[in-house]
Amino acid sequence: MDSLLSRITINPEICHGKPVIRNLRYPVESIFEYLAAGDTFDDLLAEFPDLEREDLQACLEFAARSLQLKSQHLALT
């Protein structure tokens, strides 16, 4: 899974430092907005041909890990 997470980059010079896919200026947040609106992985891959299925899987893994960290933090307070 760590290889998937390497696809998510954070650079203060790109998208104001938000997590993005491979420095391509696709914020992870935007991918989730598309998915929440009902788009599928196949829809996104067709719309954005420079993305790969592993990029979308990396977004899911990133979100899962972020929630785990936040859950641990909340449990401590």
N, C-alpha and C. Protein backbone atom coordinates (compact mmCIF):
# COMPACT_ATOMS: atom_id res chain seq x y z
N MET A 1 0.81 -1.20 0.00
CA MET A 1 0.00 0.00 0.00
C MET A 1 0.85 1.26 0.00
N ASP A 2 2.06 1.18 0.56
CA ASP A 2 2.91 2.37 0.58
C ASP A 2 3.28 2.81 -0.82
N SER A 3 3.37 1.86 -1.76
CA SER A 3 3.66 2.26 -3.14
C SER A 3 2.50 3.06 -3.72
N LEU A 4 1.28 2.72 -3.31
CA LEU A 4 0.14 3.52 -3.75
C LEU A 4 0.23 4.93 -3.18
N LEU A 5 0.58 5.02 -1.91
CA LEU A 5 0.64 6.33 -1.27
C LEU A 5 1.73 7.21 -1.88
N SER A 6 2.72 6.63 -2.50
CA SER A 6 3.77 7.44 -3.13
C SER A 6 3.22 8.21 -4.33
N ARG A 7 2.04 7.83 -4.80
CA ARG A 7 1.40 8.55 -5.91
C ARG A 7 0.76 9.85 -5.45
N ILE A 8 0.57 10.00 -4.16
CA ILE A 8 -0.02 11.21 -3.60
C ILE A 8 1.13 12.12 -3.16
N THR A 9 1.15 13.32 -3.72
CA THR A 9 2.23 14.25 -3.41
C THR A 9 1.67 15.52 -2.79
N ILE A 10 2.51 16.14 -1.98
CA ILE A 10 2.16 17.41 -1.35
C ILE A 10 3.32 18.36 -1.60
N ASN A 11 3.02 19.43 -2.30
CA ASN A 11 4.04 20.40 -2.67
C ASN A 11 3.41 21.78 -2.51
N PRO A 12 4.01 22.64 -1.69
CA PRO A 12 3.41 23.96 -1.48
C PRO A 12 3.27 24.78 -2.76
N GLU A 13 3.99 24.42 -3.79
CA GLU A 13 3.94 25.15 -5.07
C GLU A 13 2.81 24.65 -5.99
N ILE A 14 2.19 23.54 -5.61
CA ILE A 14 1.14 22.95 -6.46
C ILE A 14 -0.17 22.89 -5.67
N CYS A 15 -1.19 23.52 -6.21
CA CYS A 15 -2.54 23.52 -5.60
C CYS A 15 -2.49 23.94 -4.13
N HIS A 16 -1.68 24.94 -3.83
CA HIS A 16 -1.60 25.50 -2.47
C HIS A 16 -1.22 24.46 -1.42
N GLY A 17 -0.47 23.44 -1.82
CA GLY A 17 -0.03 22.44 -0.87
C GLY A 17 -1.04 21.35 -0.55
N LYS A 18 -2.15 21.33 -1.26
CA LYS A 18 -3.13 20.25 -1.05
C LYS A 18 -2.57 18.95 -1.61
N PRO A 19 -2.97 17.81 -1.04
CA PRO A 19 -2.54 16.52 -1.60
C PRO A 19 -3.08 16.36 -3.02
N VAL A 20 -2.20 16.01 -3.95
CA VAL A 20 -2.57 15.82 -5.35
C VAL A 20 -2.01 14.50 -5.85
N ILE A 21 -2.47 14.10 -7.02
CA ILE A 21 -2.00 12.87 -7.64
C ILE A 21 -0.77 13.17 -8.49
N ARG A 22 0.33 12.57 -8.15
CA ARG A 22 1.59 12.61 -8.91
C ARG A 22 1.96 14.01 -9.42
N ASN A 23 1.76 15.02 -8.62
CA ASN A 23 2.08 16.41 -9.01
C ASN A 23 1.36 16.85 -10.27
N LEU A 24 0.25 16.19 -10.61
CA LEU A 24 -0.49 16.51 -11.83
C LEU A 24 -1.58 17.55 -11.63
N ARG A 25 -1.67 18.10 -10.46
CA ARG A 25 -2.67 19.12 -10.16
C ARG A 25 -4.10 18.57 -10.14
N TYR A 26 -4.22 17.29 -9.81
CA TYR A 26 -5.53 16.70 -9.54
C TYR A 26 -5.62 16.51 -8.03
N PRO A 27 -6.27 17.43 -7.32
CA PRO A 27 -6.36 17.28 -5.87
C PRO A 27 -7.16 16.02 -5.49
N VAL A 28 -6.68 15.36 -4.46
CA VAL A 28 -7.38 14.19 -3.93
C VAL A 28 -8.82 14.57 -3.59
N GLU A 29 -8.98 15.73 -3.01
CA GLU A 29 -10.31 16.24 -2.64
C GLU A 29 -11.25 16.27 -3.85
N SER A 30 -10.75 16.71 -4.99
CA SER A 30 -11.58 16.78 -6.20
C SER A 30 -12.00 15.40 -6.68
N ILE A 31 -11.09 14.45 -6.57
CA ILE A 31 -11.42 13.07 -6.97
C ILE A 31 -12.58 12.57 -6.13
N PHE A 32 -12.55 12.85 -4.83
CA PHE A 32 -13.64 12.41 -3.97
C PHE A 32 -14.94 13.15 -4.28
N GLU A 33 -14.85 14.38 -4.69
CA GLU A 33 -16.07 15.09 -5.09
C GLU A 33 -16.71 14.42 -6.31
N TYR A 34 -15.89 14.03 -7.27
CA TYR A 34 -16.42 13.30 -8.43
C TYR A 34 -17.05 11.98 -8.00
N LEU A 35 -16.35 11.24 -7.16
CA LEU A 35 -16.88 9.94 -6.72
C LEU A 35 -18.17 10.11 -5.92
N ALA A 36 -18.21 11.12 -5.07
CA ALA A 36 -19.41 11.37 -4.27
C ALA A 36 -20.60 11.76 -5.15
N ALA A 37 -20.30 12.38 -6.29
CA ALA A 37 -21.37 12.77 -7.22
C ALA A 37 -21.86 11.60 -8.07
N GLY A 38 -21.20 10.46 -7.92
CA GLY A 38 -21.67 9.27 -8.63
C GLY A 38 -20.78 8.79 -9.76
N ASP A 39 -19.71 9.52 -10.05
CA ASP A 39 -18.78 9.05 -11.09
C ASP A 39 -18.08 7.78 -10.62
N THR A 40 -17.78 6.92 -11.55
CA THR A 40 -17.04 5.69 -11.25
C THR A 40 -15.57 5.88 -11.61
N PHE A 41 -14.76 4.92 -11.21
CA PHE A 41 -13.36 4.95 -11.62
C PHE A 41 -13.27 5.00 -13.14
N ASP A 42 -14.06 4.20 -13.82
CA ASP A 42 -14.03 4.18 -15.29
C ASP A 42 -14.40 5.55 -15.87
N ASP A 43 -15.39 6.21 -15.27
CA ASP A 43 -15.76 7.56 -15.72
C ASP A 43 -14.58 8.52 -15.61
N LEU A 44 -13.91 8.48 -14.47
CA LEU A 44 -12.79 9.39 -14.24
C LEU A 44 -11.62 9.09 -15.16
N LEU A 45 -11.36 7.81 -15.39
CA LEU A 45 -10.25 7.44 -16.27
C LEU A 45 -10.53 7.85 -17.71
N ALA A 46 -11.78 7.82 -18.10
CA ALA A 46 -12.14 8.26 -19.45
C ALA A 46 -12.05 9.78 -19.57
N GLU A 47 -12.46 10.48 -18.52
CA GLU A 47 -12.45 11.94 -18.53
C GLU A 47 -11.04 12.52 -18.42
N PHE A 48 -10.19 11.84 -17.65
CA PHE A 48 -8.83 12.33 -17.40
C PHE A 48 -7.83 11.24 -17.81
N PRO A 49 -7.49 11.17 -19.09
CA PRO A 49 -6.67 10.07 -19.59
C PRO A 49 -5.26 9.99 -19.01
N ASP A 50 -4.78 11.05 -18.39
CA ASP A 50 -3.45 10.96 -17.79
C ASP A 50 -3.47 10.33 -16.40
N LEU A 51 -4.66 10.02 -15.88
CA LEU A 51 -4.76 9.29 -14.62
C LEU A 51 -4.76 7.79 -14.86
N GLU A 52 -4.32 7.06 -13.85
CA GLU A 52 -4.30 5.60 -13.89
C GLU A 52 -5.16 5.07 -12.75
N ARG A 53 -5.65 3.86 -12.90
CA ARG A 53 -6.48 3.25 -11.87
C ARG A 53 -5.78 3.28 -10.51
N GLU A 54 -4.48 3.05 -10.50
CA GLU A 54 -3.72 3.05 -9.25
C GLU A 54 -3.74 4.43 -8.59
N ASP A 55 -3.85 5.49 -9.38
CA ASP A 55 -3.95 6.84 -8.82
C ASP A 55 -5.23 6.97 -8.00
N LEU A 56 -6.32 6.43 -8.53
CA LEU A 56 -7.60 6.51 -7.83
C LEU A 56 -7.58 5.63 -6.59
N GLN A 57 -6.97 4.47 -6.70
CA GLN A 57 -6.82 3.61 -5.53
C GLN A 57 -5.97 4.29 -4.46
N ALA A 58 -4.96 5.03 -4.90
CA ALA A 58 -4.11 5.77 -3.96
C ALA A 58 -4.93 6.81 -3.20
N CYS A 59 -5.87 7.45 -3.88
CA CYS A 59 -6.73 8.41 -3.21
C CYS A 59 -7.53 7.75 -2.09
N LEU A 60 -8.05 6.57 -2.37
CA LEU A 60 -8.81 5.83 -1.35
C LEU A 60 -7.92 5.46 -0.17
N GLU A 61 -6.72 4.99 -0.46
CA GLU A 61 -5.79 4.61 0.60
C GLU A 61 -5.39 5.84 1.42
N PHE A 62 -5.13 6.95 0.75
CA PHE A 62 -4.77 8.19 1.44
C PHE A 62 -5.89 8.61 2.40
N ALA A 63 -7.12 8.56 1.93
CA ALA A 63 -8.26 8.94 2.77
C ALA A 63 -8.40 7.98 3.95
N ALA A 64 -8.24 6.70 3.70
CA ALA A 64 -8.36 5.72 4.79
C ALA A 64 -7.30 5.97 5.86
N ARG A 65 -6.08 6.21 5.42
CA ARG A 65 -5.00 6.47 6.38
C ARG A 65 -5.24 7.79 7.13
N SER A 66 -5.74 8.78 6.43
CA SER A 66 -6.02 10.06 7.08
C SER A 66 -7.09 9.91 8.15
N LEU A 67 -8.11 9.12 7.86
CA LEU A 67 -9.17 8.90 8.84
C LEU A 67 -8.65 8.11 10.04
N GLN A 68 -7.77 7.16 9.79
CA GLN A 68 -7.18 6.41 10.90
C GLN A 68 -6.42 7.34 11.84
N LEU A 69 -5.65 8.25 11.27
CA LEU A 69 -4.89 9.20 12.08
C LEU A 69 -5.81 10.11 12.86
N LYS A 70 -6.86 10.62 12.21
CA LYS A 70 -7.79 11.50 12.89
C LYS A 70 -8.54 10.75 13.99
N SER A 71 -8.91 9.50 13.73
CA SER A 71 -9.62 8.70 14.72
C SER A 71 -8.74 8.49 15.95
N GLN A 72 -7.47 8.23 15.74
CA GLN A 72 -6.55 8.04 16.86
C GLN A 72 -6.42 9.32 17.66
N HIS A 73 -6.34 10.44 16.95
CA HIS A 73 -6.22 11.74 17.63
C HIS A 73 -7.48 12.03 18.45
N LEU A 74 -8.64 11.75 17.88
CA LEU A 74 -9.89 12.01 18.60
C LEU A 74 -10.01 11.13 19.84
N ALA A 75 -9.52 9.91 19.76
CA ALA A 75 -9.61 8.99 20.89
C ALA A 75 -8.75 9.47 22.06
N LEU A 76 -7.70 10.20 21.76
CA LEU A 76 -6.79 10.66 22.80
C LEU A 76 -7.29 11.89 23.54
N THR A 77 -8.24 12.61 22.95
CA THR A 77 -8.69 13.85 23.60
C THR A 77 -9.91 13.63 24.45
